[in-house]
C-alpha cells in the first residue's frame, strides 16, 4: 500500500515539486518516482544523486513566512532580538517584507532559508 503525506499541502516538498506519495522503503517523498534518498536508483548513480541533493540542500533561497503564525515566530526569533529594530522607525527590511511579494525586486534579499532554516542575514544581536 502506498503511503500519503497528510501534511503535504503547502509544505516545502510541494513547493519543490515532490509528490504527496512516500517511498515504500525509506518513507521520504517521491519526485518522478525517485525518493529523496535515491533508494531505487542503480548503485552506480546513487553517489552522484546524493551529491546533487547536497548541493540543493546547501543553497540559500529567498524566505517568506507562509502564514501569520510563522511570520510572528520569525519576528520573535530574529526581529525582536535585533538592534536594527531599535532604530526610530524600525527596520526597513521587515517593512519591505510586508510590503512586497517574494518575486519583487524590493523584497529583502536578507531573508533567506538554508539547511538550518529561515534567517535574516542582516541580524545584529541586541546587547
C-alpha atoms as a PDB file:
ATOM      1  CA  UNK A   1       0.000   0.000   0.000  1.00  0.00           C
ATOM      2  CA  UNK A   2       1.301   3.454  -0.919  1.00  0.00           C
ATOM      3  CA  UNK A   3       1.547   5.939   1.956  1.00  0.00           C
ATOM      4  CA  UNK A   4       0.487   9.568   1.573  1.00  0.00           C
ATOM      5  CA  UNK A   5       1.861  12.561   3.493  1.00  0.00           C
ATOM      6  CA  UNK A   6      -1.146  14.063   5.280  1.00  0.00           C
ATOM      7  CA  UNK A   7       0.695  17.407   5.786  1.00  0.00           C
ATOM      8  CA  UNK A   8       1.771  17.751   2.157  1.00  0.00           C
ATOM      9  CA  UNK A   9      -0.354  20.717   1.075  1.00  0.00           C
ATOM     10  CA  UNK A  10       1.654  23.935   1.408  1.00  0.00           C
ATOM     11  CA  UNK A  11       4.768  22.073   2.590  1.00  0.00           C
ATOM     12  CA  UNK A  12       8.312  22.627   1.292  1.00  0.00           C
ATOM     13  CA  UNK A  13       8.018  19.275  -0.520  1.00  0.00           C
ATOM     14  CA  UNK A  14       5.057  20.541  -2.520  1.00  0.00           C
ATOM     15  CA  UNK A  15       6.921  23.780  -3.327  1.00  0.00           C
ATOM     16  CA  UNK A  16       9.935  21.756  -4.541  1.00  0.00           C
ATOM     17  CA  UNK A  17       7.749  19.685  -6.875  1.00  0.00           C
ATOM     18  CA  UNK A  18       7.698  16.393  -4.977  1.00  0.00           C
ATOM     19  CA  UNK A  19       4.559  14.268  -4.839  1.00  0.00           C
ATOM     20  CA  UNK A  20       2.407  13.591  -1.793  1.00  0.00           C
ATOM     21  CA  UNK A  21       3.343   9.902  -2.035  1.00  0.00           C
ATOM     22  CA  UNK A  22       6.082   8.406   0.120  1.00  0.00           C
ATOM     23  CA  UNK A  23       8.774   5.859  -0.765  1.00  0.00           C
ATOM     24  CA  UNK A  24       7.803   2.406   0.499  1.00  0.00           C
ATOM     25  CA  UNK A  25      11.434   1.730   1.526  1.00  0.00           C
ATOM     26  CA  UNK A  26      12.538   4.895   3.354  1.00  0.00           C
ATOM     27  CA  UNK A  27       9.260   6.877   3.703  1.00  0.00           C
ATOM     28  CA  UNK A  28      10.693  10.018   2.056  1.00  0.00           C
ATOM     29  CA  UNK A  29       8.873  11.988  -0.661  1.00  0.00           C
ATOM     30  CA  UNK A  30       8.944  10.923  -4.296  1.00  0.00           C
ATOM     31  CA  UNK A  31       9.626  13.102  -7.306  1.00  0.00           C
ATOM     32  CA  UNK A  32       9.147  11.468 -10.703  1.00  0.00           C
ATOM     33  CA  UNK A  33       9.324   8.069  -8.993  1.00  0.00           C
ATOM     34  CA  UNK A  34      12.626   8.769  -7.206  1.00  0.00           C
ATOM     35  CA  UNK A  35      12.774   9.373  -3.454  1.00  0.00           C
ATOM     36  CA  UNK A  36      14.978  11.889  -1.643  1.00  0.00           C
ATOM     37  CA  UNK A  37      17.347   9.071  -0.644  1.00  0.00           C
ATOM     38  CA  UNK A  38      17.629   7.521  -4.099  1.00  0.00           C
ATOM     39  CA  UNK A  39      16.640   4.054  -2.842  1.00  0.00           C
ATOM     40  CA  UNK A  40      15.503   2.870  -6.270  1.00  0.00           C
ATOM     41  CA  UNK A  41      18.439   4.197  -8.290  1.00  0.00           C
ATOM     42  CA  UNK A  42      21.110   1.848  -9.581  1.00  0.00           C
ATOM     43  CA  UNK A  43      24.110   1.776  -7.247  1.00  0.00           C
ATOM     44  CA  UNK A  44      26.290   3.462  -9.899  1.00  0.00           C
ATOM     45  CA  UNK A  45      24.060   6.588  -9.833  1.00  0.00           C
ATOM     46  CA  UNK A  46      23.454   6.923  -6.090  1.00  0.00           C
ATOM     47  CA  UNK A  47      26.692   8.747  -5.235  1.00  0.00           C
ATOM     48  CA  UNK A  48      26.129  11.335  -7.963  1.00  0.00           C
ATOM     49  CA  UNK A  49      22.468  11.683  -6.893  1.00  0.00           C
ATOM     50  CA  UNK A  50      23.484  12.298  -3.263  1.00  0.00           C
ATOM     51  CA  UNK A  51      25.975  14.979  -4.347  1.00  0.00           C
ATOM     52  CA  UNK A  52      23.264  16.743  -6.363  1.00  0.00           C
ATOM     53  CA  UNK A  53      20.859  16.624  -3.409  1.00  0.00           C
ATOM     54  CA  UNK A  54      23.579  18.008  -1.112  1.00  0.00           C
ATOM     55  CA  UNK A  55      24.142  20.942  -3.497  1.00  0.00           C
ATOM     56  CA  UNK A  56      20.425  21.773  -3.448  1.00  0.00           C
ATOM     57  CA  UNK A  57      20.237  21.492   0.341  1.00  0.00           C
ATOM     58  CA  UNK A  58      23.193  23.838   0.818  1.00  0.00           C
ATOM     59  CA  UNK A  59      21.717  26.602  -1.370  1.00  0.00           C
ATOM     60  CA  UNK A  60      20.147  29.669   0.151  1.00  0.00           C
ATOM     61  CA  UNK A  61      16.746  30.598  -1.170  1.00  0.00           C
ATOM     62  CA  UNK A  62      14.556  33.591  -0.532  1.00  0.00           C
ATOM     63  CA  UNK A  63      12.372  33.200   2.559  1.00  0.00           C
ATOM     64  CA  UNK A  64       8.822  34.418   3.090  1.00  0.00           C
ATOM     65  CA  UNK A  65       6.710  33.150   6.003  1.00  0.00           C
ATOM     66  CA  UNK A  66       3.854  31.011   4.688  1.00  0.00           C
ATOM     67  CA  UNK A  67       1.325  32.335   7.205  1.00  0.00           C
ATOM     68  CA  UNK A  68       0.949  34.869  10.021  1.00  0.00           C
ATOM     69  CA  UNK A  69       1.904  32.392  12.758  1.00  0.00           C
ATOM     70  CA  UNK A  70       5.159  31.511  11.001  1.00  0.00           C
ATOM     71  CA  UNK A  71       5.778  35.234  10.436  1.00  0.00           C
ATOM     72  CA  UNK A  72       5.257  36.009  14.122  1.00  0.00           C
ATOM     73  CA  UNK A  73       7.645  33.195  15.093  1.00  0.00           C
ATOM     74  CA  UNK A  74      10.291  34.526  12.678  1.00  0.00           C
ATOM     75  CA  UNK A  75       9.822  38.062  14.007  1.00  0.00           C
ATOM     76  CA  UNK A  76      10.091  36.839  17.623  1.00  0.00           C
ATOM     77  CA  UNK A  77      13.282  34.903  16.890  1.00  0.00           C
ATOM     78  CA  UNK A  78      15.039  37.464  14.675  1.00  0.00           C
ATOM     79  CA  UNK A  79      13.488  40.941  14.571  1.00  0.00           C
ATOM     80  CA  UNK A  80      12.699  41.256  18.277  1.00  0.00           C
ATOM     81  CA  UNK A  81      16.304  40.372  19.155  1.00  0.00           C
ATOM     82  CA  UNK A  82      17.937  42.626  16.559  1.00  0.00           C
ATOM     83  CA  UNK A  83      19.307  46.059  17.323  1.00  0.00           C
ATOM     84  CA  UNK A  84      18.166  47.225  13.863  1.00  0.00           C
ATOM     85  CA  UNK A  85      14.590  47.192  15.257  1.00  0.00           C
ATOM     86  CA  UNK A  86      15.613  49.849  17.805  1.00  0.00           C
ATOM     87  CA  UNK A  87      16.077  52.453  15.075  1.00  0.00           C
ATOM     88  CA  UNK A  88      13.442  55.208  15.440  1.00  0.00           C
ATOM     89  CA  UNK A  89      11.300  53.958  12.524  1.00  0.00           C
ATOM     90  CA  UNK A  90      12.113  50.261  12.930  1.00  0.00           C
ATOM     91  CA  UNK A  91      13.924  48.036  10.470  1.00  0.00           C
ATOM     92  CA  UNK A  92      13.333  48.726   6.796  1.00  0.00           C
ATOM     93  CA  UNK A  93      13.890  45.025   5.998  1.00  0.00           C
ATOM     94  CA  UNK A  94      10.821  43.969   7.955  1.00  0.00           C
ATOM     95  CA  UNK A  95       8.762  46.703   6.271  1.00  0.00           C
ATOM     96  CA  UNK A  96       9.892  45.634   2.793  1.00  0.00           C
ATOM     97  CA  UNK A  97       8.989  42.013   3.598  1.00  0.00           C
ATOM     98  CA  UNK A  98       5.463  43.118   4.473  1.00  0.00           C
ATOM     99  CA  UNK A  99       5.084  45.487   1.531  1.00  0.00           C
ATOM    100  CA  UNK A 100       6.415  43.383  -1.360  1.00  0.00           C
ATOM    101  CA  UNK A 101       5.952  39.883  -2.726  1.00  0.00           C
ATOM    102  CA  UNK A 102       8.880  37.489  -2.799  1.00  0.00           C
ATOM    103  CA  UNK A 103       9.367  37.889  -6.556  1.00  0.00           C
ATOM    104  CA  UNK A 104       9.508  41.711  -6.383  1.00  0.00           C
ATOM    105  CA  UNK A 105      12.945  43.320  -6.754  1.00  0.00           C
ATOM    106  CA  UNK A 106      12.465  45.250  -3.475  1.00  0.00           C
ATOM    107  CA  UNK A 107      11.672  42.152  -1.401  1.00  0.00           C
ATOM    108  CA  UNK A 108      14.505  41.802   1.151  1.00  0.00           C
ATOM    109  CA  UNK A 109      17.404  39.638  -0.017  1.00  0.00           C
ATOM    110  CA  UNK A 110      18.379  39.406   3.669  1.00  0.00           C
ATOM    111  CA  UNK A 111      15.553  36.970   4.469  1.00  0.00           C
ATOM    112  CA  UNK A 112      16.731  33.517   3.373  1.00  0.00           C
ATOM    113  CA  UNK A 113      16.163  29.840   4.079  1.00  0.00           C
ATOM    114  CA  UNK A 114      19.034  27.386   4.025  1.00  0.00           C
ATOM    115  CA  UNK A 115      19.659  23.947   5.517  1.00  0.00           C
ATOM    116  CA  UNK A 116      19.453  25.471   9.024  1.00  0.00           C
ATOM    117  CA  UNK A 117      16.066  27.071   8.374  1.00  0.00           C
ATOM    118  CA  UNK A 118      14.933  30.681   7.880  1.00  0.00           C
ATOM    119  CA  UNK A 119      17.147  33.589   8.951  1.00  0.00           C
ATOM    120  CA  UNK A 120      17.876  37.258   8.435  1.00  0.00           C
ATOM    121  CA  UNK A 121      21.386  37.876   7.103  1.00  0.00           C
ATOM    122  CA  UNK A 122      21.348  41.468   8.440  1.00  0.00           C
ATOM    123  CA  UNK A 123      20.709  40.333  12.031  1.00  0.00           C
ATOM    124  CA  UNK A 124      22.678  42.241  14.696  1.00  0.00           C
ATOM    125  CA  UNK A 125      22.136  40.910  18.213  1.00  0.00           C
ATOM    126  CA  UNK A 126      20.906  43.390  20.816  1.00  0.00           C
ATOM    127  CA  UNK A 127      23.239  43.990  23.730  1.00  0.00           C
END
